[in-house]
PDB file of N, CA and C in Angstrom:
ATOM      1  N   UNK A   1      16.619 -11.855  -8.467  1.00  0.00           N
ATOM      2  CA  UNK A   1      15.237 -11.554  -8.821  1.00  0.00           C
ATOM      3  C   UNK A   1      15.806  -9.922  -8.817  1.00  0.00           C
ATOM      4  N   UNK A   2      15.313  -8.905  -9.045  1.00  0.00           N
ATOM      5  CA  UNK A   2      14.996  -7.896  -8.912  1.00  0.00           C
ATOM      6  C   UNK A   2      13.865  -7.096  -8.593  1.00  0.00           C
ATOM      7  N   UNK A   3      14.316  -5.596  -8.215  1.00  0.00           N
ATOM      8  CA  UNK A   3      12.909  -5.274  -7.730  1.00  0.00           C
ATOM      9  C   UNK A   3      12.346  -5.692  -6.363  1.00  0.00           C
ATOM     10  N   UNK A   4      12.774  -6.687  -5.184  1.00  0.00           N
ATOM     11  CA  UNK A   4      11.984  -7.440  -4.481  1.00  0.00           C
ATOM     12  C   UNK A   4      12.417  -5.571  -3.155  1.00  0.00           C
ATOM     13  N   UNK A   5      11.473  -5.831  -2.546  1.00  0.00           N
ATOM     14  CA  UNK A   5      11.434  -4.834  -1.595  1.00  0.00           C
ATOM     15  C   UNK A   5      12.085  -5.324  -0.493  1.00  0.00           C
ATOM     16  N   UNK A   6      12.944  -4.513   0.730  1.00  0.00           N
ATOM     17  CA  UNK A   6      13.357  -4.842   1.958  1.00  0.00           C
ATOM     18  C   UNK A   6      12.873  -3.755   2.719  1.00  0.00           C
ATOM     19  N   UNK A   7      13.186  -3.478   4.023  1.00  0.00           N
ATOM     20  CA  UNK A   7      12.584  -3.028   5.462  1.00  0.00           C
ATOM     21  C   UNK A   7      14.153  -1.648   4.621  1.00  0.00           C
ATOM     22  N   UNK A   8      13.168  -0.415   5.021  1.00  0.00           N
ATOM     23  CA  UNK A   8      14.018   0.614   4.912  1.00  0.00           C
ATOM     24  C   UNK A   8      15.366   0.249   5.978  1.00  0.00           C
ATOM     25  N   UNK A   9      14.386   0.211   7.478  1.00  0.00           N
ATOM     26  CA  UNK A   9      14.529   0.291   8.441  1.00  0.00           C
ATOM     27  C   UNK A   9      14.982  -1.240   9.066  1.00  0.00           C
ATOM     28  N   UNK A  10      15.679  -2.387   9.233  1.00  0.00           N
ATOM     29  CA  UNK A  10      15.732  -3.320  10.103  1.00  0.00           C
ATOM     30  C   UNK A  10      15.264  -3.376  11.104  1.00  0.00           C
ATOM     31  N   UNK A  11      15.648  -2.028  12.080  1.00  0.00           N
ATOM     32  CA  UNK A  11      15.318  -2.138  13.687  1.00  0.00           C
ATOM     33  C   UNK A  11      14.310  -1.875  14.156  1.00  0.00           C
ATOM     34  N   UNK A  12      13.883  -0.839  13.035  1.00  0.00           N
ATOM     35  CA  UNK A  12      12.529  -0.195  13.426  1.00  0.00           C
ATOM     36  C   UNK A  12      11.078  -0.461  11.983  1.00  0.00           C
ATOM     37  N   UNK A  13      10.298  -1.593  11.973  1.00  0.00           N
ATOM     38  CA  UNK A  13       9.879  -2.511  10.986  1.00  0.00           C
ATOM     39  C   UNK A  13       8.373  -1.651  11.034  1.00  0.00           C
ATOM     40  N   UNK A  14       7.741  -0.787  10.063  1.00  0.00           N
ATOM     41  CA  UNK A  14       7.051  -0.535   9.564  1.00  0.00           C
ATOM     42  C   UNK A  14       5.601  -1.861   9.983  1.00  0.00           C
ATOM     43  N   UNK A  15       4.529  -1.171  10.180  1.00  0.00           N
ATOM     44  CA  UNK A  15       3.369  -2.386   9.694  1.00  0.00           C
ATOM     45  C   UNK A  15       3.329  -3.338   8.650  1.00  0.00           C
ATOM     46  N   UNK A  16       3.226  -2.758   7.802  1.00  0.00           N
ATOM     47  CA  UNK A  16       4.239  -3.718   6.645  1.00  0.00           C
ATOM     48  C   UNK A  16       4.717  -4.124   6.509  1.00  0.00           C
ATOM     49  N   UNK A  17       6.347  -3.901   6.945  1.00  0.00           N
ATOM     50  CA  UNK A  17       7.520  -4.342   6.632  1.00  0.00           C
ATOM     51  C   UNK A  17       7.293  -5.570   7.527  1.00  0.00           C
ATOM     52  N   UNK A  18       6.180  -5.748   9.020  1.00  0.00           N
ATOM     53  CA  UNK A  18       6.532  -6.363   9.574  1.00  0.00           C
ATOM     54  C   UNK A  18       5.805  -7.492   9.143  1.00  0.00           C
ATOM     55  N   UNK A  19       4.540  -7.207   8.760  1.00  0.00           N
ATOM     56  CA  UNK A  19       4.362  -8.502   7.772  1.00  0.00           C
ATOM     57  C   UNK A  19       4.436  -9.608   6.726  1.00  0.00           C
ATOM     58  N   UNK A  20       5.222  -8.622   5.961  1.00  0.00           N
ATOM     59  CA  UNK A  20       5.965  -8.763   5.057  1.00  0.00           C
ATOM     60  C   UNK A  20       7.811 -10.361   4.900  1.00  0.00           C
ATOM     61  N   UNK A  21       8.521  -8.983   6.165  1.00  0.00           N
ATOM     62  CA  UNK A  21       9.677  -9.461   5.353  1.00  0.00           C
ATOM     63  C   UNK A  21      10.233 -10.559   5.724  1.00  0.00           C
ATOM     64  N   UNK A  22      10.388 -11.195   5.462  1.00  0.00           N
ATOM     65  CA  UNK A  22      10.936 -12.959   5.419  1.00  0.00           C
ATOM     66  C   UNK A  22      11.952 -12.703   6.731  1.00  0.00           C
ATOM     67  N   UNK A  23      11.378 -14.039   7.261  1.00  0.00           N
ATOM     68  CA  UNK A  23      13.052 -14.148   8.678  1.00  0.00           C
ATOM     69  C   UNK A  23      13.701 -14.949   8.658  1.00  0.00           C
ATOM     70  N   UNK A  24      14.732 -15.791   8.140  1.00  0.00           N
ATOM     71  CA  UNK A  24      15.940 -16.515   8.051  1.00  0.00           C
ATOM     72  C   UNK A  24      15.538 -16.821   9.097  1.00  0.00           C
ATOM     73  N   UNK A  25      15.578 -18.357  10.143  1.00  0.00           N
ATOM     74  CA  UNK A  25      16.803 -18.740  11.373  1.00  0.00           C
ATOM     75  C   UNK A  25      17.345 -20.480  10.620  1.00  0.00           C
ATOM     76  N   UNK A  26      18.087 -20.320  11.463  1.00  0.00           N
ATOM     77  CA  UNK A  26      18.770 -21.315  10.923  1.00  0.00           C
ATOM     78  C   UNK A  26      18.948 -22.356  12.235  1.00  0.00           C
ATOM     79  N   UNK A  27      18.844 -23.890  11.876  1.00  0.00           N
ATOM     80  CA  UNK A  27      18.285 -24.524  12.267  1.00  0.00           C
ATOM     81  C   UNK A  27      19.454 -25.446  13.140  1.00  0.00           C
ATOM     82  N   UNK A  28      19.413 -26.324  12.331  1.00  0.00           N
ATOM     83  CA  UNK A  28      20.934 -26.779  13.168  1.00  0.00           C
ATOM     84  C   UNK A  28      22.729 -26.979  12.115  1.00  0.00           C
ATOM     85  N   UNK A  29      23.067 -25.995  12.629  1.00  0.00           N
ATOM     86  CA  UNK A  29      24.140 -25.828  11.214  1.00  0.00           C
ATOM     87  C   UNK A  29      25.657 -26.109  12.060  1.00  0.00           C
ATOM     88  N   UNK A  30      26.154 -26.829  11.180  1.00  0.00           N
ATOM     89  CA  UNK A  30      27.026 -27.620  11.308  1.00  0.00           C
ATOM     90  C   UNK A  30      27.886 -28.285  10.811  1.00  0.00           C
ATOM     91  N   UNK A  31      29.336 -27.575  10.716  1.00  0.00           N
ATOM     92  CA  UNK A  31      30.328 -27.651   9.918  1.00  0.00           C
ATOM     93  C   UNK A  31      30.660 -29.281   9.026  1.00  0.00           C
ATOM     94  N   UNK A  32      30.479 -29.277   7.797  1.00  0.00           N
ATOM     95  CA  UNK A  32      30.736 -30.078   6.623  1.00  0.00           C
ATOM     96  C   UNK A  32      29.794 -30.707   7.073  1.00  0.00           C
ATOM     97  N   UNK A  33      28.652 -30.619   7.789  1.00  0.00           N
ATOM     98  CA  UNK A  33      27.315 -31.419   7.616  1.00  0.00           C
ATOM     99  C   UNK A  33      26.260 -30.648   7.245  1.00  0.00           C
ATOM    100  N   UNK A  34      24.656 -31.112   6.458  1.00  0.00           N
ATOM    101  CA  UNK A  34      23.421 -30.998   5.762  1.00  0.00           C
ATOM    102  C   UNK A  34      23.129 -30.352   6.930  1.00  0.00           C
ATOM    103  N   UNK A  35      22.259 -28.887   6.842  1.00  0.00           N
ATOM    104  CA  UNK A  35      21.264 -28.221   7.843  1.00  0.00           C
ATOM    105  C   UNK A  35      19.910 -27.563   6.984  1.00  0.00           C
ATOM    106  N   UNK A  36      19.361 -27.160   7.932  1.00  0.00           N
ATOM    107  CA  UNK A  36      18.072 -26.912   7.574  1.00  0.00           C
ATOM    108  C   UNK A  36      17.608 -25.572   8.938  1.00  0.00           C
ATOM    109  N   UNK A  37      17.646 -24.775   7.012  1.00  0.00           N
ATOM    110  CA  UNK A  37      16.106 -23.597   7.907  1.00  0.00           C
ATOM    111  C   UNK A  37      15.675 -23.145   7.257  1.00  0.00           C
ATOM    112  N   UNK A  38      14.585 -22.390   8.388  1.00  0.00           N
ATOM    113  CA  UNK A  38      13.248 -22.168   8.113  1.00  0.00           C
ATOM    114  C   UNK A  38      12.966 -20.863   7.567  1.00  0.00           C
ATOM    115  N   UNK A  39      11.595 -20.474   6.788  1.00  0.00           N
ATOM    116  CA  UNK A  39      11.362 -18.891   6.738  1.00  0.00           C
ATOM    117  C   UNK A  39      10.151 -18.510   6.883  1.00  0.00           C
ATOM    118  N   UNK A  40      10.566 -17.754   8.047  1.00  0.00           N
ATOM    119  CA  UNK A  40       8.798 -17.410   8.008  1.00  0.00           C
ATOM    120  C   UNK A  40       8.811 -16.144   7.709  1.00  0.00           C
ATOM    121  N   UNK A  41       7.350 -15.859   7.038  1.00  0.00           N
ATOM    122  CA  UNK A  41       6.535 -14.717   6.867  1.00  0.00           C
ATOM    123  C   UNK A  41       6.390 -13.819   7.839  1.00  0.00           C
ATOM    124  N   UNK A  42       7.320 -12.548   7.940  1.00  0.00           N
ATOM    125  CA  UNK A  42       6.893 -11.337   9.212  1.00  0.00           C
ATOM    126  C   UNK A  42       7.634 -12.043  10.296  1.00  0.00           C
ATOM    127  N   UNK A  43       7.561 -10.474  11.183  1.00  0.00           N
ATOM    128  CA  UNK A  43       7.938 -10.802  12.582  1.00  0.00           C
ATOM    129  C   UNK A  43       6.506 -10.509  13.292  1.00  0.00           C
ATOM    130  N   UNK A  44       5.751 -10.671  12.296  1.00  0.00           N
ATOM    131  CA  UNK A  44       3.695 -11.571  12.507  1.00  0.00           C
ATOM    132  C   UNK A  44       3.315 -11.485  11.591  1.00  0.00           C
ATOM    133  N   UNK A  45       2.570 -12.890  12.550  1.00  0.00           N
ATOM    134  CA  UNK A  45       2.518 -13.809  11.029  1.00  0.00           C
ATOM    135  C   UNK A  45       1.926 -12.952  10.154  1.00  0.00           C
ATOM    136  N   UNK A  46       1.578 -13.465   8.746  1.00  0.00           N
ATOM    137  CA  UNK A  46       0.614 -12.574   7.449  1.00  0.00           C
ATOM    138  C   UNK A  46      -0.179 -13.296   7.142  1.00  0.00           C
ATOM    139  N   UNK A  47      -1.386 -12.755   7.114  1.00  0.00           N
ATOM    140  CA  UNK A  47      -2.426 -13.215   6.812  1.00  0.00           C
ATOM    141  C   UNK A  47      -2.723 -14.421   5.485  1.00  0.00           C
ATOM    142  N   UNK A  48      -3.523 -15.645   5.485  1.00  0.00           N
ATOM    143  CA  UNK A  48      -3.448 -16.404   4.582  1.00  0.00           C
ATOM    144  C   UNK A  48      -5.040 -16.778   4.453  1.00  0.00           C
ATOM    145  N   UNK A  49      -5.521 -15.881   3.718  1.00  0.00           N
ATOM    146  CA  UNK A  49      -7.385 -15.909   2.956  1.00  0.00           C
ATOM    147  C   UNK A  49      -6.737 -15.463   1.361  1.00  0.00           C
ATOM    148  N   UNK A  50      -8.385 -15.943   1.000  1.00  0.00           N
ATOM    149  CA  UNK A  50      -8.035 -16.419  -0.218  1.00  0.00           C
ATOM    150  C   UNK A  50      -7.649 -14.675  -1.034  1.00  0.00           C
ATOM    151  N   UNK A  51      -8.070 -13.736  -0.209  1.00  0.00           N
ATOM    152  CA  UNK A  51      -7.947 -12.501  -0.616  1.00  0.00           C
ATOM    153  C   UNK A  51      -7.207 -11.514  -0.906  1.00  0.00           C
ATOM    154  N   UNK A  52      -6.319 -12.101   0.515  1.00  0.00           N
ATOM    155  CA  UNK A  52      -4.315 -12.145   0.997  1.00  0.00           C
ATOM    156  C   UNK A  52      -4.173 -12.320   1.468  1.00  0.00           C
ATOM    157  N   UNK A  53      -2.929 -12.849   0.347  1.00  0.00           N
ATOM    158  CA  UNK A  53      -1.830 -14.458   1.183  1.00  0.00           C
ATOM    159  C   UNK A  53      -0.708 -14.220   0.302  1.00  0.00           C
ATOM    160  N   UNK A  54       0.335 -14.634   1.317  1.00  0.00           N
ATOM    161  CA  UNK A  54       1.539 -15.088   0.840  1.00  0.00           C
ATOM    162  C   UNK A  54       1.427 -16.518  -0.558  1.00  0.00           C
ATOM    163  N   UNK A  55       1.609 -16.062  -1.431  1.00  0.00           N
ATOM    164  CA  UNK A  55       1.691 -17.010  -2.507  1.00  0.00           C
ATOM    165  C   UNK A  55       2.798 -18.127  -2.975  1.00  0.00           C
ATOM    166  N   UNK A  56       3.869 -17.530  -2.246  1.00  0.00           N
ATOM    167  CA  UNK A  56       5.263 -18.914  -2.536  1.00  0.00           C
ATOM    168  C   UNK A  56       6.148 -17.416  -1.253  1.00  0.00           C
ATOM    169  N   UNK A  57       7.038 -19.231  -1.450  1.00  0.00           N
ATOM    170  CA  UNK A  57       8.447 -18.612  -0.442  1.00  0.00           C
ATOM    171  C   UNK A  57       9.446 -19.678  -1.512  1.00  0.00           C
ATOM    172  N   UNK A  58      10.586 -18.785  -1.453  1.00  0.00           N
ATOM    173  CA  UNK A  58      11.695 -19.358  -2.498  1.00  0.00           C
ATOM    174  C   UNK A  58      13.223 -19.380  -1.612  1.00  0.00           C
ATOM    175  N   UNK A  59      14.154 -20.699  -1.639  1.00  0.00           N
ATOM    176  CA  UNK A  59      15.110 -19.873  -1.585  1.00  0.00           C
ATOM    177  C   UNK A  59      16.138 -20.072  -2.044  1.00  0.00           C
ATOM    178  N   UNK A  60      17.608 -20.031  -1.533  1.00  0.00           N
ATOM    179  CA  UNK A  60      18.750 -20.012  -2.426  1.00  0.00           C
ATOM    180  C   UNK A  60      19.743 -20.084  -1.760  1.00  0.00           C
ATOM    181  N   UNK A  61      20.654 -21.131  -1.437  1.00  0.00           N
ATOM    182  CA  UNK A  61      21.921 -20.594  -0.811  1.00  0.00           C
ATOM    183  C   UNK A  61      23.117 -20.517  -2.088  1.00  0.00           C
ATOM    184  N   UNK A  62      24.343 -19.471  -1.719  1.00  0.00           N
ATOM    185  CA  UNK A  62      24.592 -18.447  -2.560  1.00  0.00           C
ATOM    186  C   UNK A  62      23.887 -18.544  -4.134  1.00  0.00           C
ATOM    187  N   UNK A  63      24.265 -18.433  -4.320  1.00  0.00           N
ATOM    188  CA  UNK A  63      23.457 -18.132  -5.973  1.00  0.00           C
ATOM    189  C   UNK A  63      22.316 -19.673  -6.652  1.00  0.00           C
ATOM    190  N   UNK A  64      23.263 -20.477  -5.639  1.00  0.00           N
ATOM    191  CA  UNK A  64      22.291 -22.011  -5.997  1.00  0.00           C
ATOM    192  C   UNK A  64      20.698 -21.736  -5.431  1.00  0.00           C
ATOM    193  N   UNK A  65      20.150 -22.164  -6.521  1.00  0.00           N
ATOM    194  CA  UNK A  65      18.323 -22.437  -5.902  1.00  0.00           C
ATOM    195  C   UNK A  65      18.193 -23.618  -4.681  1.00  0.00           C
ATOM    196  N   UNK A  66      17.497 -23.294  -3.305  1.00  0.00           N
ATOM    197  CA  UNK A  66      16.722 -24.499  -2.685  1.00  0.00           C
ATOM    198  C   UNK A  66      15.859 -25.425  -2.741  1.00  0.00           C
ATOM    199  N   UNK A  67      14.790 -24.512  -3.051  1.00  0.00           N
ATOM    200  CA  UNK A  67      13.709 -24.778  -3.267  1.00  0.00           C
ATOM    201  C   UNK A  67      12.793 -23.843  -3.304  1.00  0.00           C
ATOM    202  N   UNK A  68      11.484 -23.864  -3.702  1.00  0.00           N
ATOM    203  CA  UNK A  68      10.506 -22.880  -3.974  1.00  0.00           C
ATOM    204  C   UNK A  68       9.152 -23.873  -3.409  1.00  0.00           C
ATOM    205  N   UNK A  69       8.386 -22.877  -2.476  1.00  0.00           N
ATOM    206  CA  UNK A  69       7.202 -23.839  -2.167  1.00  0.00           C
ATOM    207  C   UNK A  69       5.442 -22.976  -2.443  1.00  0.00           C
ATOM    208  N   UNK A  70       4.488 -23.450  -2.219  1.00  0.00           N
ATOM    209  CA  UNK A  70       3.792 -22.917  -3.067  1.00  0.00           C
ATOM    210  C   UNK A  70       2.892 -22.636  -2.384  1.00  0.00           C
ATOM    211  N   UNK A  71       1.901 -21.934  -1.410  1.00  0.00           N
ATOM    212  CA  UNK A  71       1.723 -21.692  -0.561  1.00  0.00           C
ATOM    213  C   UNK A  71      -0.044 -21.918  -0.741  1.00  0.00           C
ATOM    214  N   UNK A  72      -1.143 -22.480   0.405  1.00  0.00           N
ATOM    215  CA  UNK A  72      -2.737 -22.046   0.317  1.00  0.00           C
ATOM    216  C   UNK A  72      -3.059 -21.318   0.814  1.00  0.00           C
ATOM    217  N   UNK A  73      -3.989 -20.697   0.496  1.00  0.00           N
ATOM    218  CA  UNK A  73      -4.936 -20.069   1.494  1.00  0.00           C
ATOM    219  C   UNK A  73      -5.670 -20.958   2.356  1.00  0.00           C
ATOM    220  N   UNK A  74      -6.067 -20.120   3.623  1.00  0.00           N
ATOM    221  CA  UNK A  74      -7.456 -20.699   4.940  1.00  0.00           C
ATOM    222  C   UNK A  74      -8.545 -20.613   3.684  1.00  0.00           C
ATOM    223  N   UNK A  75      -9.677 -20.730   4.224  1.00  0.00           N
ATOM    224  CA  UNK A  75     -10.379 -20.834   3.386  1.00  0.00           C
ATOM    225  C   UNK A  75     -12.174 -21.312   4.414  1.00  0.00           C
ATOM    226  N   UNK A  76     -12.595 -19.899   5.000  1.00  0.00           N
ATOM    227  CA  UNK A  76     -13.422 -19.477   5.549  1.00  0.00           C
ATOM    228  C   UNK A  76     -14.481 -19.869   5.173  1.00  0.00           C
ATOM    229  N   UNK A  77     -14.851 -20.220   4.294  1.00  0.00           N
ATOM    230  CA  UNK A  77     -16.242 -21.213   3.724  1.00  0.00           C
ATOM    231  C   UNK A  77     -16.534 -22.336   3.698  1.00  0.00           C
ATOM    232  N   UNK A  78     -15.727 -23.318   3.236  1.00  0.00           N
ATOM    233  CA  UNK A  78     -15.095 -23.985   3.177  1.00  0.00           C
ATOM    234  C   UNK A  78     -14.752 -24.785   4.444  1.00  0.00           C
ATOM    235  N   UNK A  79     -14.353 -23.573   5.323  1.00  0.00           N
ATOM    236  CA  UNK A  79     -14.038 -23.847   6.670  1.00  0.00           C
ATOM    237  C   UNK A  79     -12.154 -25.277   6.339  1.00  0.00           C
ATOM    238  N   UNK A  80     -11.884 -25.250   4.938  1.00  0.00           N
ATOM    239  CA  UNK A  80     -10.403 -25.780   4.805  1.00  0.00           C
ATOM    240  C   UNK A  80      -9.453 -24.970   5.569  1.00  0.00           C
ATOM    241  N   UNK A  81      -8.579 -25.211   6.344  1.00  0.00           N
ATOM    242  CA  UNK A  81      -7.067 -24.969   6.258  1.00  0.00           C
ATOM    243  C   UNK A  81      -6.298 -24.845   5.340  1.00  0.00           C
ATOM    244  N   UNK A  82      -5.500 -23.396   5.502  1.00  0.00           N
ATOM    245  CA  UNK A  82      -3.887 -23.975   4.593  1.00  0.00           C
ATOM    246  C   UNK A  82      -3.171 -23.780   5.342  1.00  0.00           C
ATOM    247  N   UNK A  83      -2.336 -23.465   4.107  1.00  0.00           N
ATOM    248  CA  UNK A  83      -0.668 -23.508   4.925  1.00  0.00           C
ATOM    249  C   UNK A  83      -0.402 -22.322   5.842  1.00  0.00           C
ATOM    250  N   UNK A  84       0.139 -21.988   6.877  1.00  0.00           N
ATOM    251  CA  UNK A  84       0.729 -21.478   7.307  1.00  0.00           C
ATOM    252  C   UNK A  84       1.914 -20.730   6.443  1.00  0.00           C
ATOM    253  N   UNK A  85       2.366 -18.882   6.544  1.00  0.00           N
ATOM    254  CA  UNK A  85       3.221 -18.541   5.470  1.00  0.00           C
ATOM    255  C   UNK A  85       4.899 -19.026   6.413  1.00  0.00           C
ATOM    256  N   UNK A  86       5.352 -20.177   6.052  1.00  0.00           N
ATOM    257  CA  UNK A  86       6.252 -20.482   6.230  1.00  0.00           C
ATOM    258  C   UNK A  86       7.006 -22.289   5.362  1.00  0.00           C
ATOM    259  N   UNK A  87       8.353 -21.680   5.154  1.00  0.00           N
ATOM    260  CA  UNK A  87       9.194 -23.159   4.943  1.00  0.00           C
ATOM    261  C   UNK A  87      10.050 -23.516   5.264  1.00  0.00           C
ATOM    262  N   UNK A  88      10.343 -25.440   5.449  1.00  0.00           N
ATOM    263  CA  UNK A  88      12.151 -25.035   5.180  1.00  0.00           C
ATOM    264  C   UNK A  88      12.695 -25.583   4.177  1.00  0.00           C
ATOM    265  N   UNK A  89      13.751 -25.801   4.356  1.00  0.00           N
ATOM    266  CA  UNK A  89      14.588 -26.278   3.440  1.00  0.00           C
ATOM    267  C   UNK A  89      15.932 -27.129   4.290  1.00  0.00           C
ATOM    268  N   UNK A  90      16.863 -27.834   3.261  1.00  0.00           N
ATOM    269  CA  UNK A  90      17.789 -28.903   4.180  1.00  0.00           C
ATOM    270  C   UNK A  90      18.670 -28.447   3.146  1.00  0.00           C
ATOM    271  N   UNK A  91      20.050 -28.223   2.950  1.00  0.00           N
ATOM    272  CA  UNK A  91      21.381 -27.212   2.065  1.00  0.00           C
ATOM    273  C   UNK A  91      22.298 -28.074   3.640  1.00  0.00           C
ATOM    274  N   UNK A  92      23.511 -28.175   1.926  1.00  0.00           N
ATOM    275  CA  UNK A  92      24.355 -28.296   2.364  1.00  0.00           C
ATOM    276  C   UNK A  92      25.896 -27.848   1.999  1.00  0.00           C
ATOM    277  N   UNK A  93      26.558 -26.736   2.078  1.00  0.00           N
ATOM    278  CA  UNK A  93      26.785 -25.728   2.319  1.00  0.00           C
ATOM    279  C   UNK A  93      28.493 -25.827   3.120  1.00  0.00           C
ATOM    280  N   UNK A  94      28.770 -23.897   2.643  1.00  0.00           N
ATOM    281  CA  UNK A  94      30.101 -23.910   3.722  1.00  0.00           C
ATOM    282  C   UNK A  94      30.022 -22.975   3.626  1.00  0.00           C
ATOM    283  N   UNK A  95      30.982 -22.357   4.664  1.00  0.00           N
ATOM    284  CA  UNK A  95      31.134 -20.997   5.582  1.00  0.00           C
ATOM    285  C   UNK A  95      31.314 -19.829   4.511  1.00  0.00           C
ATOM    286  N   UNK A  96      30.749 -19.340   4.839  1.00  0.00           N
ATOM    287  CA  UNK A  96      31.244 -17.476   3.595  1.00  0.00           C
ATOM    288  C   UNK A  96      29.931 -17.229   2.985  1.00  0.00           C
ATOM    289  N   UNK A  97      28.751 -18.184   3.077  1.00  0.00           N
ATOM    290  CA  UNK A  97      27.827 -18.440   1.577  1.00  0.00           C
ATOM    291  C   UNK A  97      26.341 -17.545   2.139  1.00  0.00           C
ATOM    292  N   UNK A  98      25.864 -17.139   1.716  1.00  0.00           N
ATOM    293  CA  UNK A  98      24.086 -16.517   2.154  1.00  0.00           C
ATOM    294  C   UNK A  98      23.049 -17.465   1.587  1.00  0.00           C
ATOM    295  N   UNK A  99      22.226 -16.957   2.721  1.00  0.00           N
ATOM    296  CA  UNK A  99      21.058 -17.336   2.414  1.00  0.00           C
ATOM    297  C   UNK A  99      20.162 -16.843   2.337  1.00  0.00           C
ATOM    298  N   UNK A 100      19.624 -16.632   1.072  1.00  0.00           N
ATOM    299  CA  UNK A 100      18.421 -15.205   0.716  1.00  0.00           C
ATOM    300  C   UNK A 100      17.607 -16.000  -0.018  1.00  0.00           C
ATOM    301  N   UNK A 101      16.217 -15.441   1.122  1.00  0.00           N
ATOM    302  CA  UNK A 101      14.558 -15.524   0.797  1.00  0.00           C
ATOM    303  C   UNK A 101      13.845 -14.839   0.427  1.00  0.00           C
ATOM    304  N   UNK A 102      12.811 -15.123  -0.855  1.00  0.00           N
ATOM    305  CA  UNK A 102      11.935 -14.456  -1.502  1.00  0.00           C
ATOM    306  C   UNK A 102      10.778 -14.888  -0.906  1.00  0.00           C
ATOM    307  N   UNK A 103       9.554 -14.184  -0.727  1.00  0.00           N
ATOM    308  CA  UNK A 103       7.986 -14.345  -0.947  1.00  0.00           C
ATOM    309  C   UNK A 103       7.553 -13.598  -1.319  1.00  0.00           C
ATOM    310  N   UNK A 104       6.297 -13.922  -1.550  1.00  0.00           N
ATOM    311  CA  UNK A 104       5.721 -12.818  -2.826  1.00  0.00           C
ATOM    312  C   UNK A 104       4.251 -12.817  -2.718  1.00  0.00           C
ATOM    313  N   UNK A 105       4.170 -11.535  -1.620  1.00  0.00           N
ATOM    314  CA  UNK A 105       2.125 -11.478  -1.306  1.00  0.00           C
ATOM    315  C   UNK A 105       1.727 -11.291  -2.488  1.00  0.00           C
ATOM    316  N   UNK A 106       0.238 -11.428  -2.761  1.00  0.00           N
ATOM    317  CA  UNK A 106      -0.537 -11.375  -3.848  1.00  0.00           C
ATOM    318  C   UNK A 106      -1.116  -9.317  -4.031  1.00  0.00           C
ATOM    319  N   UNK A 107      -0.787  -8.937  -3.097  1.00  0.00           N
ATOM    320  CA  UNK A 107      -1.767  -7.663  -2.906  1.00  0.00           C
ATOM    321  C   UNK A 107       0.169  -6.315  -2.948  1.00  0.00           C
ATOM    322  N   UNK A 108       1.355  -7.147  -2.039  1.00  0.00           N
ATOM    323  CA  UNK A 108       2.122  -6.160  -1.692  1.00  0.00           C
ATOM    324  C   UNK A 108       3.587  -7.175  -2.478  1.00  0.00           C
ATOM    325  N   UNK A 109       3.358  -7.424  -3.390  1.00  0.00           N
ATOM    326  CA  UNK A 109       4.786  -7.681  -3.654  1.00  0.00           C
ATOM    327  C   UNK A 109       5.760  -8.512  -3.163  1.00  0.00           C
ATOM    328  N   UNK A 110       6.597  -8.428  -3.677  1.00  0.00           N
ATOM    329  CA  UNK A 110       8.076  -9.696  -3.820  1.00  0.00           C
ATOM    330  C   UNK A 110       8.316  -8.523  -2.573  1.00  0.00           C
ATOM    331  N   UNK A 111       9.081 -10.174  -1.767  1.00  0.00           N
ATOM    332  CA  UNK A 111      10.424  -9.484  -0.552  1.00  0.00           C
ATOM    333  C   UNK A 111      11.061 -10.120  -0.491  1.00  0.00           C
ATOM    334  N   UNK A 112      12.457  -9.736   0.201  1.00  0.00           N
ATOM    335  CA  UNK A 112      13.579 -10.640   0.107  1.00  0.00           C
ATOM    336  C   UNK A 112      14.266 -10.065   2.108  1.00  0.00           C
ATOM    337  N   UNK A 113      14.935 -11.094   2.222  1.00  0.00           N
ATOM    338  CA  UNK A 113      15.782 -10.944   3.295  1.00  0.00           C
ATOM    339  C   UNK A 113      17.430 -12.322   2.565  1.00  0.00           C
ATOM    340  N   UNK A 114      18.337 -11.816   3.520  1.00  0.00           N
ATOM    341  CA  UNK A 114      19.517 -12.761   3.296  1.00  0.00           C
ATOM    342  C   UNK A 114      20.484 -12.476   4.939  1.00  0.00           C
ATOM    343  N   UNK A 115      20.528 -13.501   5.130  1.00  0.00           N
ATOM    344  CA  UNK A 115      21.570 -13.671   5.840  1.00  0.00           C
ATOM    345  C   UNK A 115      23.193 -14.535   5.874  1.00  0.00           C
ATOM    346  N   UNK A 116      24.194 -13.946   6.580  1.00  0.00           N
ATOM    347  CA  UNK A 116      25.417 -14.937   6.544  1.00  0.00           C
ATOM    348  C   UNK A 116      25.267 -15.862   7.080  1.00  0.00           C
ATOM    349  N   UNK A 117      26.213 -17.375   6.437  1.00  0.00           N
ATOM    350  CA  UNK A 117      26.171 -18.423   6.885  1.00  0.00           C
ATOM    351  C   UNK A 117      27.749 -18.628   7.574  1.00  0.00           C
ATOM    352  N   UNK A 118      27.965 -18.330   9.139  1.00  0.00           N
ATOM    353  CA  UNK A 118      29.455 -18.494   9.554  1.00  0.00           C
ATOM    354  C   UNK A 118      29.222 -20.072  10.257  1.00  0.00           C
ATOM    355  N   UNK A 119      30.074 -20.677  10.283  1.00  0.00           N
ATOM    356  CA  UNK A 119      30.416 -22.346  10.884  1.00  0.00           C
ATOM    357  C   UNK A 119      31.648 -21.647  11.986  1.00  0.00           C
TER     358      UNK A 119
END
């Protein structure tokens, strides 16, 4: 995917970047075993209202797609709880690959982050 946004300075996020930049947390990484990683949208949690929400999160391990999760907004009028802007994925892989996570905000577009996987 091209044209995805990234922070200009990851150590100094703007307010817009802080709520949109995908955060990738590797949960249980072990050599030769499947492991779980979590993608959270934003250092500061993103709102999930019908008017402004994260529509989906998609992850890749190397060049291989791992999964895509579509998210539902919270609804104040019906009282229905929606999804939190996060997703978990399980992969089996090798060292030297990258995890790449994309998220799409209905107002602010496509964002991406990537991390190296080192065993």
